[in-house]
Amino acid sequence: MTTLALQSLNFSTKILEKIWRFFKKTLEGIFIGWMLARQAQANAYIAKQLIIEYPEMTVAQLEHQLNQKTIASINKEFGRD
């Protein structure tokens, strides 16, 4: 192959790699958002059930604590610490 052909191939490869990284990050963001939304909904339900065991807290405080633990867990799982 000629030098021009190799440069063109290298350039095309870099463009495809950038597109792939963008696509991957976008899908990861959508997936994480979906996971957080579903877990926040579950946390709201669980907080209402657990309030009996934690009378010193309000439902909102308990839900907030559960959501913070969820966010920390997902950040750890996806390496976003």
N, C-alpha and C. Protein backbone atom coordinates (compact mmCIF):
# COMPACT_ATOMS: atom_id res chain seq x y z
N MET A 1 0.83 -1.18 0.00
CA MET A 1 0.00 0.00 0.00
C MET A 1 0.88 1.24 0.00
N THR A 2 0.32 2.25 -0.53
CA THR A 2 1.05 3.51 -0.55
C THR A 2 0.87 4.24 0.77
N THR A 3 1.72 5.20 0.98
CA THR A 3 1.66 5.99 2.21
C THR A 3 0.33 6.73 2.31
N LEU A 4 -0.17 7.23 1.21
CA LEU A 4 -1.44 7.95 1.19
C LEU A 4 -2.60 7.03 1.58
N ALA A 5 -2.57 5.81 1.09
CA ALA A 5 -3.63 4.86 1.43
C ALA A 5 -3.58 4.49 2.92
N LEU A 6 -2.38 4.32 3.46
CA LEU A 6 -2.24 4.00 4.89
C LEU A 6 -2.70 5.16 5.76
N GLN A 7 -2.39 6.38 5.37
CA GLN A 7 -2.84 7.54 6.13
C GLN A 7 -4.35 7.66 6.11
N SER A 8 -4.93 7.40 4.96
CA SER A 8 -6.38 7.46 4.82
C SER A 8 -7.05 6.40 5.68
N LEU A 9 -6.48 5.19 5.69
CA LEU A 9 -7.02 4.10 6.50
C LEU A 9 -6.90 4.43 7.98
N ASN A 10 -5.77 4.99 8.38
CA ASN A 10 -5.55 5.38 9.77
C ASN A 10 -6.54 6.45 10.20
N PHE A 11 -6.76 7.43 9.35
CA PHE A 11 -7.71 8.50 9.62
C PHE A 11 -9.13 7.96 9.77
N SER A 12 -9.52 7.05 8.87
CA SER A 12 -10.85 6.44 8.92
C SER A 12 -11.04 5.63 10.20
N THR A 13 -10.00 4.94 10.60
CA THR A 13 -10.07 4.14 11.81
C THR A 13 -10.27 5.03 13.03
N LYS A 14 -9.56 6.15 13.08
CA LYS A 14 -9.69 7.08 14.21
C LYS A 14 -11.10 7.66 14.27
N ILE A 15 -11.66 7.98 13.14
CA ILE A 15 -13.03 8.52 13.11
C ILE A 15 -14.02 7.48 13.61
N LEU A 16 -13.88 6.24 13.15
CA LEU A 16 -14.78 5.18 13.61
C LEU A 16 -14.63 4.92 15.10
N GLU A 17 -13.41 4.99 15.61
CA GLU A 17 -13.20 4.80 17.04
C GLU A 17 -13.86 5.90 17.85
N LYS A 18 -13.79 7.14 17.39
CA LYS A 18 -14.44 8.26 18.08
C LYS A 18 -15.96 8.11 18.05
N ILE A 19 -16.49 7.71 16.93
CA ILE A 19 -17.94 7.50 16.82
C ILE A 19 -18.37 6.38 17.76
N TRP A 20 -17.60 5.29 17.79
CA TRP A 20 -17.93 4.17 18.67
C TRP A 20 -17.90 4.60 20.14
N ARG A 21 -16.87 5.35 20.56
CA ARG A 21 -16.78 5.82 21.96
C ARG A 21 -17.96 6.71 22.32
N PHE A 22 -18.35 7.59 21.39
CA PHE A 22 -19.49 8.47 21.63
C PHE A 22 -20.77 7.65 21.78
N PHE A 23 -20.97 6.70 20.88
CA PHE A 23 -22.15 5.83 20.91
C PHE A 23 -22.19 5.01 22.20
N LYS A 24 -21.05 4.48 22.60
CA LYS A 24 -20.96 3.66 23.80
C LYS A 24 -21.27 4.50 25.05
N LYS A 25 -20.69 5.69 25.15
CA LYS A 25 -20.93 6.57 26.29
C LYS A 25 -22.39 7.02 26.34
N THR A 26 -22.98 7.29 25.19
CA THR A 26 -24.38 7.69 25.14
C THR A 26 -25.28 6.57 25.64
N LEU A 27 -25.06 5.37 25.15
CA LEU A 27 -25.86 4.23 25.60
C LEU A 27 -25.65 3.96 27.09
N GLU A 28 -24.42 4.09 27.56
CA GLU A 28 -24.14 3.89 28.98
C GLU A 28 -24.90 4.92 29.81
N GLY A 29 -24.92 6.16 29.38
CA GLY A 29 -25.64 7.22 30.10
C GLY A 29 -27.13 6.96 30.14
N ILE A 30 -27.69 6.52 29.01
CA ILE A 30 -29.12 6.20 28.97
C ILE A 30 -29.42 5.03 29.89
N PHE A 31 -28.57 4.03 29.87
CA PHE A 31 -28.77 2.85 30.70
C PHE A 31 -28.68 3.20 32.18
N ILE A 32 -27.70 4.00 32.57
CA ILE A 32 -27.55 4.40 33.96
C ILE A 32 -28.75 5.24 34.41
N GLY A 33 -29.19 6.15 33.57
CA GLY A 33 -30.37 6.96 33.89
C GLY A 33 -31.60 6.10 34.09
N TRP A 34 -31.77 5.11 33.24
CA TRP A 34 -32.91 4.20 33.35
C TRP A 34 -32.81 3.41 34.66
N MET A 35 -31.62 2.92 34.98
CA MET A 35 -31.43 2.17 36.23
C MET A 35 -31.73 3.04 37.44
N LEU A 36 -31.24 4.26 37.44
CA LEU A 36 -31.47 5.16 38.57
C LEU A 36 -32.95 5.49 38.74
N ALA A 37 -33.63 5.70 37.63
CA ALA A 37 -35.06 6.02 37.70
C ALA A 37 -35.86 4.85 38.27
N ARG A 38 -35.58 3.67 37.79
CA ARG A 38 -36.30 2.49 38.29
C ARG A 38 -36.00 2.23 39.76
N GLN A 39 -34.74 2.40 40.16
CA GLN A 39 -34.37 2.15 41.54
C GLN A 39 -34.93 3.22 42.46
N ALA A 40 -34.99 4.47 42.00
CA ALA A 40 -35.58 5.54 42.81
C ALA A 40 -37.06 5.27 43.05
N GLN A 41 -37.72 4.74 42.04
CA GLN A 41 -39.14 4.38 42.19
C GLN A 41 -39.29 3.26 43.22
N ALA A 42 -38.42 2.27 43.16
CA ALA A 42 -38.46 1.17 44.13
C ALA A 42 -38.10 1.68 45.52
N ASN A 43 -37.14 2.60 45.61
CA ASN A 43 -36.74 3.15 46.90
C ASN A 43 -37.89 3.91 47.56
N ALA A 44 -38.70 4.62 46.77
CA ALA A 44 -39.85 5.34 47.32
C ALA A 44 -40.83 4.35 47.95
N TYR A 45 -41.06 3.25 47.28
CA TYR A 45 -41.97 2.22 47.80
C TYR A 45 -41.38 1.58 49.06
N ILE A 46 -40.10 1.25 49.01
CA ILE A 46 -39.45 0.59 50.15
C ILE A 46 -39.39 1.52 51.36
N ALA A 47 -39.15 2.82 51.14
CA ALA A 47 -39.09 3.77 52.25
C ALA A 47 -40.41 3.81 53.01
N LYS A 48 -41.51 3.73 52.28
CA LYS A 48 -42.84 3.71 52.93
C LYS A 48 -43.02 2.46 53.78
N GLN A 49 -42.44 1.36 53.34
CA GLN A 49 -42.55 0.11 54.08
C GLN A 49 -41.61 0.08 55.29
N LEU A 50 -40.43 0.66 55.15
CA LEU A 50 -39.41 0.62 56.21
C LEU A 50 -39.60 1.67 57.29
N ILE A 51 -40.47 2.64 57.08
CA ILE A 51 -40.62 3.73 58.04
C ILE A 51 -41.04 3.21 59.42
N ILE A 52 -41.68 2.07 59.46
CA ILE A 52 -42.08 1.47 60.73
C ILE A 52 -40.85 1.11 61.56
N GLU A 53 -39.79 0.65 60.90
CA GLU A 53 -38.57 0.25 61.60
C GLU A 53 -37.66 1.43 61.94
N TYR A 54 -37.89 2.58 61.33
CA TYR A 54 -37.08 3.77 61.57
C TYR A 54 -37.98 4.95 61.94
N PRO A 55 -38.57 4.94 63.15
CA PRO A 55 -39.52 6.01 63.52
C PRO A 55 -38.87 7.38 63.69
N GLU A 56 -37.56 7.43 63.87
CA GLU A 56 -36.88 8.71 64.06
C GLU A 56 -36.66 9.45 62.73
N MET A 57 -36.92 8.79 61.61
CA MET A 57 -36.71 9.38 60.29
C MET A 57 -38.06 9.61 59.61
N THR A 58 -38.06 10.54 58.67
CA THR A 58 -39.25 10.71 57.84
C THR A 58 -39.10 9.83 56.59
N VAL A 59 -40.17 9.67 55.87
CA VAL A 59 -40.13 8.88 54.64
C VAL A 59 -39.16 9.51 53.64
N ALA A 60 -39.18 10.83 53.55
CA ALA A 60 -38.30 11.53 52.61
C ALA A 60 -36.83 11.33 52.98
N GLN A 61 -36.53 11.37 54.27
CA GLN A 61 -35.14 11.16 54.70
C GLN A 61 -34.68 9.74 54.38
N LEU A 62 -35.54 8.78 54.65
CA LEU A 62 -35.20 7.38 54.38
C LEU A 62 -35.03 7.15 52.88
N GLU A 63 -35.93 7.73 52.10
CA GLU A 63 -35.84 7.60 50.64
C GLU A 63 -34.55 8.24 50.12
N HIS A 64 -34.20 9.41 50.66
CA HIS A 64 -32.97 10.09 50.25
C HIS A 64 -31.74 9.22 50.55
N GLN A 65 -31.74 8.63 51.74
CA GLN A 65 -30.62 7.76 52.13
C GLN A 65 -30.51 6.56 51.19
N LEU A 66 -31.62 5.96 50.85
CA LEU A 66 -31.62 4.82 49.93
C LEU A 66 -31.12 5.25 48.54
N ASN A 67 -31.57 6.41 48.09
CA ASN A 67 -31.15 6.90 46.78
C ASN A 67 -29.65 7.21 46.75
N GLN A 68 -29.11 7.75 47.83
CA GLN A 68 -27.68 8.03 47.89
C GLN A 68 -26.86 6.74 47.82
N LYS A 69 -27.33 5.72 48.50
CA LYS A 69 -26.64 4.42 48.45
C LYS A 69 -26.73 3.82 47.05
N THR A 70 -27.85 4.00 46.40
CA THR A 70 -28.02 3.51 45.04
C THR A 70 -27.05 4.18 44.08
N ILE A 71 -26.96 5.51 44.18
CA ILE A 71 -26.05 6.26 43.31
C ILE A 71 -24.60 5.84 43.54
N ALA A 72 -24.22 5.69 44.80
CA ALA A 72 -22.85 5.27 45.12
C ALA A 72 -22.57 3.88 44.56
N SER A 73 -23.53 2.99 44.67
CA SER A 73 -23.36 1.62 44.17
C SER A 73 -23.21 1.60 42.64
N ILE A 74 -24.04 2.36 41.96
CA ILE A 74 -23.98 2.39 40.49
C ILE A 74 -22.68 3.05 40.03
N ASN A 75 -22.26 4.13 40.70
CA ASN A 75 -20.99 4.77 40.35
C ASN A 75 -19.83 3.80 40.54
N LYS A 76 -19.86 3.02 41.61
CA LYS A 76 -18.79 2.04 41.84
C LYS A 76 -18.82 0.96 40.77
N GLU A 77 -20.01 0.51 40.41
CA GLU A 77 -20.14 -0.56 39.42
C GLU A 77 -19.63 -0.14 38.05
N PHE A 78 -19.87 1.12 37.68
CA PHE A 78 -19.44 1.60 36.37
C PHE A 78 -18.11 2.33 36.41
N GLY A 79 -17.43 2.31 37.55
CA GLY A 79 -16.12 2.92 37.65
C GLY A 79 -16.13 4.43 37.54
N ARG A 80 -17.13 5.06 38.09
CA ARG A 80 -17.25 6.52 38.01
C ARG A 80 -16.92 7.17 39.35
N ASP A 81 -16.07 6.57 40.13
CA ASP A 81 -15.70 7.14 41.44
C ASP A 81 -14.79 8.32 41.28
